[in-house]
Amino acid sequence: MKKPLIIGVAGGSGSGKTTVARKLYEEFADSVVMIEQDAYYKDQTHLSFEQRTKTNYDHPLAFDHDLLIEHLQQLLTYKPIEKPVYDYALHTRSAETIHLEPKEVIILEGILILEDQRLRELMDIKIFVDTDADVRILRRLERDMKERGRSLESVIDQYLSVVRQMHLQFVEPSKRYADLILPEGGHNQVQLAC
């Protein structure tokens, strides 16, 4: 049996990587499973809510990459997984999971998937969605306020104190590992058609 193909879609927060991943998902239809790196934030139920809000979610140590790699290896051997569900309102992993059956194509999407060598070695195709910082912050503002119930002030504060620095330190340098750099994400119709 042929091993599944893993396509990694990385890029900064608000770059459009989720849009690219969804378009790829639609392209492969019933033969694809989607894994979001955000689902693999470490469980923080042992911390108080206040402590959880201070976690640097844009640092590689915020993720449970061991579990993510274990799940990818299970899917590569055609075994199902129970993907974690992250609760953005509570800043920790939910007790719920999502059952995923193995498929021929695995799309792995996240800001820091190219930063971890172990993850890179599992990927067959590595895409980096490259979008200007001003566009990324505007998209992040809109998303975090609408979908995650955050205030304008909290999003700006988080961006200036953590997100921008982590992007420059970890996300941007990981671009060098990409097989394909996709400018402007899901809005680049020419590149997506290739």
C-alpha atoms as a PDB file:
ATOM      1  CA  MET A   1       0.000   0.000   0.000  1.00  0.00           C
ATOM      2  CA  LYS A   2       1.304   3.420  -0.999  1.00  0.00           C
ATOM      3  CA  LYS A   3       1.974   5.822   1.873  1.00  0.00           C
ATOM      4  CA  PRO A   4      -0.191   8.941   2.086  1.00  0.00           C
ATOM      5  CA  LEU A   5       1.150  12.230   0.731  1.00  0.00           C
ATOM      6  CA  ILE A   6       1.715  14.976   3.326  1.00  0.00           C
ATOM      7  CA  ILE A   7       1.425  18.564   2.110  1.00  0.00           C
ATOM      8  CA  GLY A   8       2.590  21.172   4.620  1.00  0.00           C
ATOM      9  CA  VAL A   9       1.173  24.699   4.413  1.00  0.00           C
ATOM     10  CA  ALA A  10       3.047  27.204   6.606  1.00  0.00           C
ATOM     11  CA  GLY A  11       3.200  30.983   6.902  1.00  0.00           C
ATOM     12  CA  GLY A  12       2.697  33.770   9.378  1.00  0.00           C
ATOM     13  CA  SER A  13      -0.469  34.407  11.326  1.00  0.00           C
ATOM     14  CA  GLY A  14      -2.995  35.960   8.926  1.00  0.00           C
ATOM     15  CA  SER A  15      -0.956  35.061   5.832  1.00  0.00           C
ATOM     16  CA  GLY A  16      -3.756  33.106   4.154  1.00  0.00           C
ATOM     17  CA  LYS A  17      -2.384  29.621   4.827  1.00  0.00           C
ATOM     18  CA  THR A  18      -5.791  28.363   5.992  1.00  0.00           C
ATOM     19  CA  THR A  19      -7.340  29.599   2.730  1.00  0.00           C
ATOM     20  CA  VAL A  20      -4.637  27.783   0.741  1.00  0.00           C
ATOM     21  CA  ALA A  21      -5.099  24.617   2.823  1.00  0.00           C
ATOM     22  CA  ARG A  22      -8.885  24.724   2.287  1.00  0.00           C
ATOM     23  CA  LYS A  23      -8.451  25.150  -1.467  1.00  0.00           C
ATOM     24  CA  LEU A  24      -6.130  22.144  -1.525  1.00  0.00           C
ATOM     25  CA  TYR A  25      -8.647  20.248   0.597  1.00  0.00           C
ATOM     26  CA  GLU A  26     -11.391  21.011  -1.934  1.00  0.00           C
ATOM     27  CA  GLU A  27      -9.088  19.936  -4.783  1.00  0.00           C
ATOM     28  CA  PHE A  28      -8.523  16.473  -3.343  1.00  0.00           C
ATOM     29  CA  ALA A  29     -12.148  16.073  -2.163  1.00  0.00           C
ATOM     30  CA  ASP A  30     -12.822  12.757  -0.386  1.00  0.00           C
ATOM     31  CA  SER A  31      -9.214  11.566  -0.344  1.00  0.00           C
ATOM     32  CA  VAL A  32      -7.843  14.198   2.062  1.00  0.00           C
ATOM     33  CA  VAL A  33      -7.629  14.792   5.799  1.00  0.00           C
ATOM     34  CA  MET A  34      -6.787  18.186   7.329  1.00  0.00           C
ATOM     35  CA  ILE A  35      -4.566  18.596  10.389  1.00  0.00           C
ATOM     36  CA  GLU A  36      -4.247  22.076  11.900  1.00  0.00           C
ATOM     37  CA  GLN A  37      -1.182  22.676  14.053  1.00  0.00           C
ATOM     38  CA  ASP A  38      -3.348  24.875  16.321  1.00  0.00           C
ATOM     39  CA  ALA A  39      -5.211  21.741  17.460  1.00  0.00           C
ATOM     40  CA  TYR A  40      -1.921  20.601  18.994  1.00  0.00           C
ATOM     41  CA  TYR A  41      -1.324  23.441  21.425  1.00  0.00           C
ATOM     42  CA  LYS A  42      -0.208  21.875  24.685  1.00  0.00           C
ATOM     43  CA  ASP A  43      -2.852  21.017  27.247  1.00  0.00           C
ATOM     44  CA  GLN A  44      -2.810  23.722  29.930  1.00  0.00           C
ATOM     45  CA  THR A  45      -5.626  22.619  32.213  1.00  0.00           C
ATOM     46  CA  HIS A  46      -3.116  22.481  35.083  1.00  0.00           C
ATOM     47  CA  LEU A  47      -2.636  26.279  34.841  1.00  0.00           C
ATOM     48  CA  SER A  48      -4.983  29.019  36.001  1.00  0.00           C
ATOM     49  CA  PHE A  49      -6.884  30.947  33.327  1.00  0.00           C
ATOM     50  CA  GLU A  50      -4.720  34.012  33.985  1.00  0.00           C
ATOM     51  CA  GLN A  51      -1.533  31.971  33.511  1.00  0.00           C
ATOM     52  CA  ARG A  52      -2.903  30.486  30.270  1.00  0.00           C
ATOM     53  CA  THR A  53      -3.581  33.942  28.817  1.00  0.00           C
ATOM     54  CA  LYS A  54       0.099  34.764  29.271  1.00  0.00           C
ATOM     55  CA  THR A  55       1.325  31.775  27.253  1.00  0.00           C
ATOM     56  CA  ASN A  56       3.327  32.641  24.155  1.00  0.00           C
ATOM     57  CA  TYR A  57       1.241  30.770  21.555  1.00  0.00           C
ATOM     58  CA  ASP A  58       3.581  31.787  18.728  1.00  0.00           C
ATOM     59  CA  HIS A  59       6.625  29.998  20.185  1.00  0.00           C
ATOM     60  CA  PRO A  60       7.516  26.434  19.106  1.00  0.00           C
ATOM     61  CA  LEU A  61       7.313  25.265  22.743  1.00  0.00           C
ATOM     62  CA  ALA A  62       3.574  26.073  22.829  1.00  0.00           C
ATOM     63  CA  PHE A  63       2.891  23.024  20.645  1.00  0.00           C
ATOM     64  CA  ASP A  64       2.735  19.346  21.490  1.00  0.00           C
ATOM     65  CA  HIS A  65       4.749  18.293  18.448  1.00  0.00           C
ATOM     66  CA  ASP A  66       5.371  14.846  19.915  1.00  0.00           C
ATOM     67  CA  LEU A  67       1.630  14.108  19.777  1.00  0.00           C
ATOM     68  CA  LEU A  68       1.308  15.712  16.338  1.00  0.00           C
ATOM     69  CA  ILE A  69       4.139  13.549  14.976  1.00  0.00           C
ATOM     70  CA  GLU A  70       2.646  10.446  16.598  1.00  0.00           C
ATOM     71  CA  HIS A  71      -0.702  11.192  14.919  1.00  0.00           C
ATOM     72  CA  LEU A  72       0.904  11.833  11.533  1.00  0.00           C
ATOM     73  CA  GLN A  73       2.792   8.538  11.794  1.00  0.00           C
ATOM     74  CA  GLN A  74      -0.461   6.744  12.620  1.00  0.00           C
ATOM     75  CA  LEU A  75      -2.167   8.293   9.584  1.00  0.00           C
ATOM     76  CA  LEU A  76       0.837   7.337   7.419  1.00  0.00           C
ATOM     77  CA  THR A  77       0.259   3.708   8.394  1.00  0.00           C
ATOM     78  CA  TYR A  78      -3.481   4.042   7.704  1.00  0.00           C
ATOM     79  CA  LYS A  79      -4.546   4.080  11.339  1.00  0.00           C
ATOM     80  CA  PRO A  80      -7.236   6.513  12.564  1.00  0.00           C
ATOM     81  CA  ILE A  81      -6.522   9.217  15.145  1.00  0.00           C
ATOM     82  CA  GLU A  82      -8.372  11.292  17.718  1.00  0.00           C
ATOM     83  CA  LYS A  83      -7.339  14.846  16.836  1.00  0.00           C
ATOM     84  CA  PRO A  84      -7.390  17.237  19.802  1.00  0.00           C
ATOM     85  CA  VAL A  85      -9.705  20.240  19.863  1.00  0.00           C
ATOM     86  CA  TYR A  86      -8.291  23.492  21.177  1.00  0.00           C
ATOM     87  CA  ASP A  87     -10.612  25.881  23.029  1.00  0.00           C
ATOM     88  CA  TYR A  88      -9.495  29.438  22.221  1.00  0.00           C
ATOM     89  CA  ALA A  89     -11.847  30.962  24.793  1.00  0.00           C
ATOM     90  CA  LEU A  90     -10.393  28.891  27.651  1.00  0.00           C
ATOM     91  CA  HIS A  91      -6.812  28.866  26.293  1.00  0.00           C
ATOM     92  CA  THR A  92      -6.412  25.129  26.642  1.00  0.00           C
ATOM     93  CA  ARG A  93      -7.220  21.826  25.022  1.00  0.00           C
ATOM     94  CA  SER A  94     -10.841  20.733  25.159  1.00  0.00           C
ATOM     95  CA  ALA A  95     -11.860  17.314  26.494  1.00  0.00           C
ATOM     96  CA  GLU A  96     -13.382  16.675  23.046  1.00  0.00           C
ATOM     97  CA  THR A  97     -11.513  15.107  20.136  1.00  0.00           C
ATOM     98  CA  ILE A  98     -12.317  14.668  16.457  1.00  0.00           C
ATOM     99  CA  HIS A  99     -12.088  11.177  15.011  1.00  0.00           C
ATOM    100  CA  LEU A 100     -10.164  11.206  11.712  1.00  0.00           C
ATOM    101  CA  GLU A 101      -9.871   8.279   9.366  1.00  0.00           C
ATOM    102  CA  PRO A 102      -6.687   7.965   7.295  1.00  0.00           C
ATOM    103  CA  LYS A 103      -6.760   9.255   3.721  1.00  0.00           C
ATOM    104  CA  GLU A 104      -4.436   9.334   0.717  1.00  0.00           C
ATOM    105  CA  VAL A 105      -3.522  13.006   1.264  1.00  0.00           C
ATOM    106  CA  ILE A 106      -2.795  14.740   4.566  1.00  0.00           C
ATOM    107  CA  ILE A 107      -2.747  18.534   4.649  1.00  0.00           C
ATOM    108  CA  LEU A 108      -0.807  19.866   7.630  1.00  0.00           C
ATOM    109  CA  GLU A 109      -1.350  23.587   8.232  1.00  0.00           C
ATOM    110  CA  GLY A 110       0.288  25.881  10.778  1.00  0.00           C
ATOM    111  CA  ILE A 111       2.622  28.779  11.482  1.00  0.00           C
ATOM    112  CA  LEU A 112       5.531  26.691  12.764  1.00  0.00           C
ATOM    113  CA  ILE A 113       5.305  23.376  10.913  1.00  0.00           C
ATOM    114  CA  LEU A 114       8.471  24.105   8.915  1.00  0.00           C
ATOM    115  CA  GLU A 115      10.389  25.127  12.046  1.00  0.00           C
ATOM    116  CA  ASP A 116      10.491  21.547  13.407  1.00  0.00           C
ATOM    117  CA  GLN A 117      12.873  19.268  11.500  1.00  0.00           C
ATOM    118  CA  ARG A 118      10.936  16.146  12.508  1.00  0.00           C
ATOM    119  CA  LEU A 119       7.779  17.543  10.917  1.00  0.00           C
ATOM    120  CA  ARG A 120       9.653  18.665   7.796  1.00  0.00           C
ATOM    121  CA  GLU A 121      11.023  15.163   7.314  1.00  0.00           C
ATOM    122  CA  LEU A 122       7.468  13.771   7.232  1.00  0.00           C
ATOM    123  CA  MET A 123       6.271  16.222   4.560  1.00  0.00           C
ATOM    124  CA  ASP A 124       6.390  15.451   0.854  1.00  0.00           C
ATOM    125  CA  ILE A 125       5.553  19.004  -0.255  1.00  0.00           C
ATOM    126  CA  LYS A 126       6.269  22.116   1.815  1.00  0.00           C
ATOM    127  CA  ILE A 127       4.479  25.376   0.969  1.00  0.00           C
ATOM    128  CA  PHE A 128       5.131  28.746   2.618  1.00  0.00           C
ATOM    129  CA  VAL A 129       2.422  31.395   2.223  1.00  0.00           C
ATOM    130  CA  ASP A 130       4.231  34.741   2.122  1.00  0.00           C
ATOM    131  CA  THR A 131       2.095  37.814   2.802  1.00  0.00           C
ATOM    132  CA  ASP A 132       3.096  41.352   3.821  1.00  0.00           C
ATOM    133  CA  ALA A 133       3.020  42.138   7.542  1.00  0.00           C
ATOM    134  CA  ASP A 134       0.427  44.913   7.224  1.00  0.00           C
ATOM    135  CA  VAL A 135      -2.032  42.551   5.525  1.00  0.00           C
ATOM    136  CA  ARG A 136      -1.364  39.813   8.090  1.00  0.00           C
ATOM    137  CA  ILE A 137      -2.035  42.058  11.101  1.00  0.00           C
ATOM    138  CA  LEU A 138      -5.283  43.372   9.609  1.00  0.00           C
ATOM    139  CA  ARG A 139      -6.487  39.819   8.941  1.00  0.00           C
ATOM    140  CA  ARG A 140      -5.481  38.750  12.450  1.00  0.00           C
ATOM    141  CA  LEU A 141      -7.336  41.699  13.997  1.00  0.00           C
ATOM    142  CA  GLU A 142     -10.505  40.837  12.130  1.00  0.00           C
ATOM    143  CA  ARG A 143     -10.272  37.095  12.899  1.00  0.00           C
ATOM    144  CA  ASP A 144      -9.428  37.418  16.587  1.00  0.00           C
ATOM    145  CA  MET A 145     -12.137  39.987  17.237  1.00  0.00           C
ATOM    146  CA  LYS A 146     -14.889  38.197  15.277  1.00  0.00           C
ATOM    147  CA  GLU A 147     -14.066  34.532  15.860  1.00  0.00           C
ATOM    148  CA  ARG A 148     -12.225  34.526  19.183  1.00  0.00           C
ATOM    149  CA  GLY A 149     -13.983  37.315  21.076  1.00  0.00           C
ATOM    150  CA  ARG A 150     -10.834  39.347  21.692  1.00  0.00           C
ATOM    151  CA  SER A 151     -10.705  43.129  22.044  1.00  0.00           C
ATOM    152  CA  LEU A 152      -8.862  45.381  19.595  1.00  0.00           C
ATOM    153  CA  GLU A 153      -6.491  46.417  22.376  1.00  0.00           C
ATOM    154  CA  SER A 154      -5.641  42.818  23.345  1.00  0.00           C
ATOM    155  CA  VAL A 155      -4.951  41.785  19.740  1.00  0.00           C
ATOM    156  CA  ILE A 156      -2.666  44.776  19.149  1.00  0.00           C
ATOM    157  CA  ASP A 157      -0.882  44.221  22.460  1.00  0.00           C
ATOM    158  CA  GLN A 158      -0.321  40.524  21.692  1.00  0.00           C
ATOM    159  CA  TYR A 159       0.915  41.319  18.189  1.00  0.00           C
ATOM    160  CA  LEU A 160       3.422  43.936  19.358  1.00  0.00           C
ATOM    161  CA  SER A 161       4.642  42.048  22.430  1.00  0.00           C
ATOM    162  CA  VAL A 162       4.817  38.503  21.023  1.00  0.00           C
ATOM    163  CA  VAL A 163       3.508  37.710  17.526  1.00  0.00           C
ATOM    164  CA  ARG A 164       5.782  40.037  15.552  1.00  0.00           C
ATOM    165  CA  GLN A 165       8.919  38.936  17.424  1.00  0.00           C
ATOM    166  CA  MET A 166       8.099  35.237  17.086  1.00  0.00           C
ATOM    167  CA  HIS A 167       7.369  35.684  13.392  1.00  0.00           C
ATOM    168  CA  LEU A 168      10.781  37.262  12.852  1.00  0.00           C
ATOM    169  CA  GLN A 169      12.574  34.724  15.056  1.00  0.00           C
ATOM    170  CA  PHE A 170      10.884  31.455  13.988  1.00  0.00           C
ATOM    171  CA  VAL A 171       8.292  31.733  11.205  1.00  0.00           C
ATOM    172  CA  GLU A 172      10.106  33.883   8.628  1.00  0.00           C
ATOM    173  CA  PRO A 173      13.388  31.905   8.864  1.00  0.00           C
ATOM    174  CA  SER A 174      11.484  28.636   8.286  1.00  0.00           C
ATOM    175  CA  LYS A 175      10.567  29.879   4.797  1.00  0.00           C
ATOM    176  CA  ARG A 176      13.951  28.611   3.567  1.00  0.00           C
ATOM    177  CA  TYR A 177      12.725  25.029   3.984  1.00  0.00           C
ATOM    178  CA  ALA A 178       9.758  25.491   1.635  1.00  0.00           C
ATOM    179  CA  ASP A 179       9.571  23.778  -1.732  1.00  0.00           C
ATOM    180  CA  LEU A 180       7.163  26.465  -2.914  1.00  0.00           C
ATOM    181  CA  ILE A 181       6.729  30.059  -1.711  1.00  0.00           C
ATOM    182  CA  LEU A 182       3.238  31.317  -2.443  1.00  0.00           C
ATOM    183  CA  PRO A 183       2.921  35.132  -2.369  1.00  0.00           C
ATOM    184  CA  GLU A 184      -0.408  36.520  -1.080  1.00  0.00           C
ATOM    185  CA  GLY A 185      -1.856  33.130  -0.129  1.00  0.00           C
ATOM    186  CA  GLY A 186      -5.272  32.029  -1.335  1.00  0.00           C
ATOM    187  CA  HIS A 187      -5.710  35.198  -3.362  1.00  0.00           C
ATOM    188  CA  ASN A 188      -2.901  34.204  -5.744  1.00  0.00           C
ATOM    189  CA  GLN A 189      -5.064  32.433  -8.329  1.00  0.00           C
ATOM    190  CA  VAL A 190      -2.209  31.958 -10.804  1.00  0.00           C
ATOM    191  CA  GLN A 191       0.008  30.167  -8.299  1.00  0.00           C
ATOM    192  CA  LEU A 192      -2.852  28.045  -6.928  1.00  0.00           C
ATOM    193  CA  ALA A 193      -3.754  26.860 -10.427  1.00  0.00           C
ATOM    194  CA  CYS A 194      -0.254  25.400 -10.928  1.00  0.00           C
END
